[in-house]
Amino acid sequence: MANPLHKKLEPYLGEFVYGGMDGCVTTFAVVAGSFGAGLSSSVIIILGFANLMADGFAMSVGAYLSHKTQRDNLQKQRRLNDQPAVPAQTAGESQKSPAWIGGITYGSFIAVGIIPMMIYLIDLRWPVERDLFGISCVLTALGFILVGWLKAYVNHTRIIVGIAETLSLGTLAALVAYFVGDFLKGLLG
């Protein structure tokens, strides 16, 4: 028998993983690129939040429009084939509305995406006498681990595989961002 928590999380897992991973990767990309370029902590926070809000919103709109287009296309195909309307559940369509899908994507983008900036935000109030970027790297890895764990937990797959997958792909994206920032700093500075 499936755990009740699984039943509650399953319908939203795809959107959560999509939004959460992209939020964590792109926000860390801003942090890593900014750090690689030698920008100040305040600029990192400004750019990070601008990315978090704007990119998250753009992703949620994209998820909404994508699922709405998919649903509309399926309905068009039914009309063209003179098929009666079939309830979404029996047709294999998502039981969620496109608006819900966009909302879950945006929520997870923000919730997981803020993780790489947490140490910079803490440093604003209580100065941290440590390597902020190093701590941000660790926090970002924890964000990837959280998403990988949740994905594996809900799907009943091996936890270590889910974590390794999200951690390795997220790390690769983060390295690209850091080295692009560092390269551009050298090229422009």
Protein backbone atom coordinates (compact mmCIF):
# COMPACT_ATOMS: atom_id res chain seq x y z
CA MET A 1 0.00 0.00 0.00
CA ALA A 2 1.35 3.41 -0.95
CA ASN A 3 2.20 5.92 1.71
CA PRO A 4 -0.41 8.75 1.86
CA LEU A 5 2.41 11.29 1.51
CA HIS A 6 3.35 9.70 -1.81
CA LYS A 7 -0.21 10.13 -3.07
CA LYS A 8 -0.18 13.83 -2.18
CA LEU A 9 3.21 14.49 -3.76
CA GLU A 10 3.00 12.38 -6.91
CA PRO A 11 0.81 14.69 -9.01
CA TYR A 12 3.19 17.61 -8.40
CA LEU A 13 6.54 15.87 -8.54
CA GLY A 14 7.38 16.70 -12.16
CA GLU A 15 6.69 20.40 -11.70
CA PHE A 16 8.49 20.46 -8.36
CA VAL A 17 11.63 18.82 -9.76
CA TYR A 18 11.56 20.99 -12.88
CA GLY A 19 11.06 24.26 -11.00
CA GLY A 20 13.29 23.38 -8.06
CA MET A 21 16.26 22.21 -10.10
CA ASP A 22 16.07 25.15 -12.47
CA GLY A 23 15.65 27.59 -9.60
CA CYS A 24 18.65 26.22 -7.75
CA VAL A 25 20.82 25.98 -10.88
CA THR A 26 20.01 29.39 -12.32
CA THR A 27 20.27 31.21 -9.01
CA PHE A 28 23.55 29.52 -8.28
CA ALA A 29 24.63 30.37 -11.82
CA VAL A 30 24.09 34.03 -10.96
CA VAL A 31 25.97 33.63 -7.67
CA ALA A 32 28.83 31.65 -9.26
CA GLY A 33 29.09 33.87 -12.32
CA SER A 34 29.02 37.01 -10.17
CA PHE A 35 31.59 35.60 -7.76
CA GLY A 36 33.75 34.47 -10.68
CA ALA A 37 33.54 38.00 -12.08
CA GLY A 38 34.53 39.47 -8.70
CA LEU A 39 31.24 41.27 -8.02
CA SER A 40 30.27 42.34 -4.50
CA SER A 41 27.85 40.50 -2.23
CA SER A 42 25.22 43.21 -2.61
CA VAL A 43 25.34 42.88 -6.40
CA ILE A 44 25.08 39.10 -6.06
CA ILE A 45 21.92 39.52 -3.96
CA ILE A 46 20.39 42.04 -6.38
CA LEU A 47 21.11 39.90 -9.43
CA GLY A 48 20.10 36.74 -7.59
CA PHE A 49 16.71 38.10 -6.59
CA ALA A 50 16.09 39.63 -10.00
CA ASN A 51 16.80 36.22 -11.52
CA LEU A 52 14.77 34.38 -8.90
CA MET A 53 11.63 36.44 -9.46
CA ALA A 54 11.82 37.06 -13.21
CA ASP A 55 13.11 33.67 -14.33
CA GLY A 56 10.77 31.86 -11.95
CA PHE A 57 7.82 33.80 -13.29
CA ALA A 58 8.90 33.18 -16.89
CA MET A 59 9.22 29.46 -16.19
CA SER A 60 5.80 29.32 -14.56
CA VAL A 61 4.22 31.09 -17.52
CA GLY A 62 6.06 28.71 -19.86
CA ALA A 63 4.83 25.67 -17.91
CA TYR A 64 1.28 27.06 -17.92
CA LEU A 65 1.30 27.78 -21.65
CA SER A 66 2.96 24.47 -22.48
CA HIS A 67 0.37 22.41 -20.60
CA LYS A 68 -2.50 24.55 -21.85
CA THR A 69 -1.27 24.13 -25.42
CA GLN A 70 -0.94 20.38 -24.93
CA ARG A 71 -4.48 20.18 -23.51
CA ASP A 72 -5.90 22.38 -26.29
CA ASN A 73 -4.14 20.29 -28.94
CA LEU A 74 -5.59 17.08 -27.51
CA GLN A 75 -9.06 18.62 -27.56
CA LYS A 76 -8.55 19.74 -31.17
CA GLN A 77 -7.49 16.21 -32.16
CA ARG A 78 -10.63 14.81 -30.56
CA ARG A 79 -12.80 17.30 -32.45
CA LEU A 80 -11.11 16.49 -35.75
CA ASN A 81 -11.60 12.77 -35.16
CA ASP A 82 -15.21 13.25 -34.05
CA GLN A 83 -14.45 11.71 -30.67
CA PRO A 84 -16.55 12.62 -27.66
CA ALA A 85 -14.91 14.58 -24.93
CA VAL A 86 -13.17 12.16 -22.60
CA PRO A 87 -12.60 13.01 -18.93
CA ALA A 88 -9.01 14.08 -18.36
CA GLN A 89 -8.26 11.23 -15.99
CA THR A 90 -9.27 8.48 -18.40
CA ALA A 91 -7.47 10.13 -21.30
CA GLY A 92 -4.20 10.13 -19.36
CA GLU A 93 -4.10 13.91 -19.17
CA SER A 94 -2.95 15.74 -16.09
CA GLN A 95 -5.65 16.11 -13.47
CA LYS A 96 -4.21 19.51 -12.61
CA SER A 97 -5.11 22.69 -14.37
CA PRO A 98 -2.41 24.54 -16.33
CA ALA A 99 -2.64 27.30 -13.69
CA TRP A 100 -1.81 24.80 -10.93
CA ILE A 101 1.11 23.49 -12.94
CA GLY A 102 2.48 27.03 -13.40
CA GLY A 103 1.98 27.74 -9.69
CA ILE A 104 3.80 24.61 -8.53
CA THR A 105 6.66 25.35 -10.92
CA TYR A 106 6.97 28.92 -9.62
CA GLY A 107 6.69 27.90 -5.97
CA SER A 108 9.40 25.26 -6.21
CA PHE A 109 11.61 27.58 -8.29
CA ILE A 110 11.48 30.17 -5.50
CA ALA A 111 11.67 27.71 -2.57
CA VAL A 112 14.69 25.79 -3.84
CA GLY A 113 16.13 28.67 -5.85
CA ILE A 114 16.68 30.87 -2.81
CA ILE A 115 18.98 28.27 -1.21
CA PRO A 116 22.19 29.40 -2.98
CA MET A 117 21.65 32.97 -1.76
CA MET A 118 20.78 32.16 1.85
CA ILE A 119 24.27 32.75 3.20
CA TYR A 120 24.48 36.13 1.44
CA LEU A 121 21.14 37.12 2.99
CA ILE A 122 22.27 35.97 6.44
CA ASP A 123 25.51 37.92 5.97
CA LEU A 124 23.51 41.13 5.48
CA ARG A 125 22.10 40.88 9.00
CA TRP A 126 24.77 38.90 10.83
CA PRO A 127 28.16 39.21 9.12
CA VAL A 128 29.71 35.84 8.42
CA GLU A 129 33.47 35.75 8.72
CA ARG A 130 33.83 32.85 6.31
CA ASP A 131 33.94 32.14 2.60
CA LEU A 132 30.40 33.07 1.50
CA PHE A 133 30.82 31.50 -1.92
CA GLY A 134 32.08 28.22 -0.44
CA ILE A 135 29.10 28.09 1.90
CA SER A 136 26.79 28.90 -1.03
CA CYS A 137 28.30 25.93 -2.90
CA VAL A 138 27.51 23.62 0.01
CA LEU A 139 23.97 25.00 0.36
CA THR A 140 23.40 24.59 -3.37
CA ALA A 141 24.56 20.98 -3.18
CA LEU A 142 22.09 20.45 -0.34
CA GLY A 143 19.34 21.91 -2.55
CA PHE A 144 20.22 19.43 -5.31
CA ILE A 145 20.30 16.61 -2.76
CA LEU A 146 16.87 17.61 -1.42
CA VAL A 147 15.32 17.55 -4.90
CA GLY A 148 17.02 14.25 -5.76
CA TRP A 149 15.91 12.67 -2.48
CA LEU A 150 12.31 13.81 -2.92
CA LYS A 151 12.22 12.60 -6.52
CA ALA A 152 13.54 9.17 -5.54
CA TYR A 153 11.34 8.95 -2.43
CA VAL A 154 8.11 9.66 -4.27
CA ASN A 155 9.02 7.43 -7.22
CA HIS A 156 10.21 4.56 -5.00
CA THR A 157 13.59 4.48 -6.72
CA ARG A 158 17.02 4.25 -5.17
CA ILE A 159 17.66 7.35 -3.08
CA ILE A 160 21.39 7.39 -3.81
CA VAL A 161 20.73 7.29 -7.57
CA GLY A 162 18.22 10.16 -7.39
CA ILE A 163 20.62 12.25 -5.31
CA ALA A 164 23.63 11.43 -7.51
CA GLU A 165 21.70 12.36 -10.64
CA THR A 166 20.54 15.77 -9.45
CA LEU A 167 23.81 16.54 -7.67
CA SER A 168 26.00 15.70 -10.67
CA LEU A 169 23.86 17.53 -13.24
CA GLY A 170 23.42 20.54 -10.97
CA THR A 171 27.14 20.66 -10.24
CA LEU A 172 27.94 20.56 -13.95
CA ALA A 173 25.62 23.51 -14.59
CA ALA A 174 27.13 25.41 -11.66
CA LEU A 175 30.67 24.85 -12.93
CA VAL A 176 29.73 26.17 -16.36
CA ALA A 177 28.33 29.34 -14.77
CA TYR A 178 31.38 29.91 -12.59
CA PHE A 179 33.89 29.46 -15.39
CA VAL A 180 31.91 31.66 -17.79
CA GLY A 181 31.95 34.46 -15.18
CA ASP A 182 35.64 33.94 -14.55
CA PHE A 183 36.43 33.84 -18.28
CA LEU A 184 34.44 37.01 -18.99
CA LYS A 185 36.12 38.78 -16.08
CA GLY A 186 39.49 37.99 -17.61
CA LEU A 187 38.34 38.91 -21.09
CA LEU A 188 36.68 42.21 -20.11
CA GLY A 189 38.75 43.20 -17.09
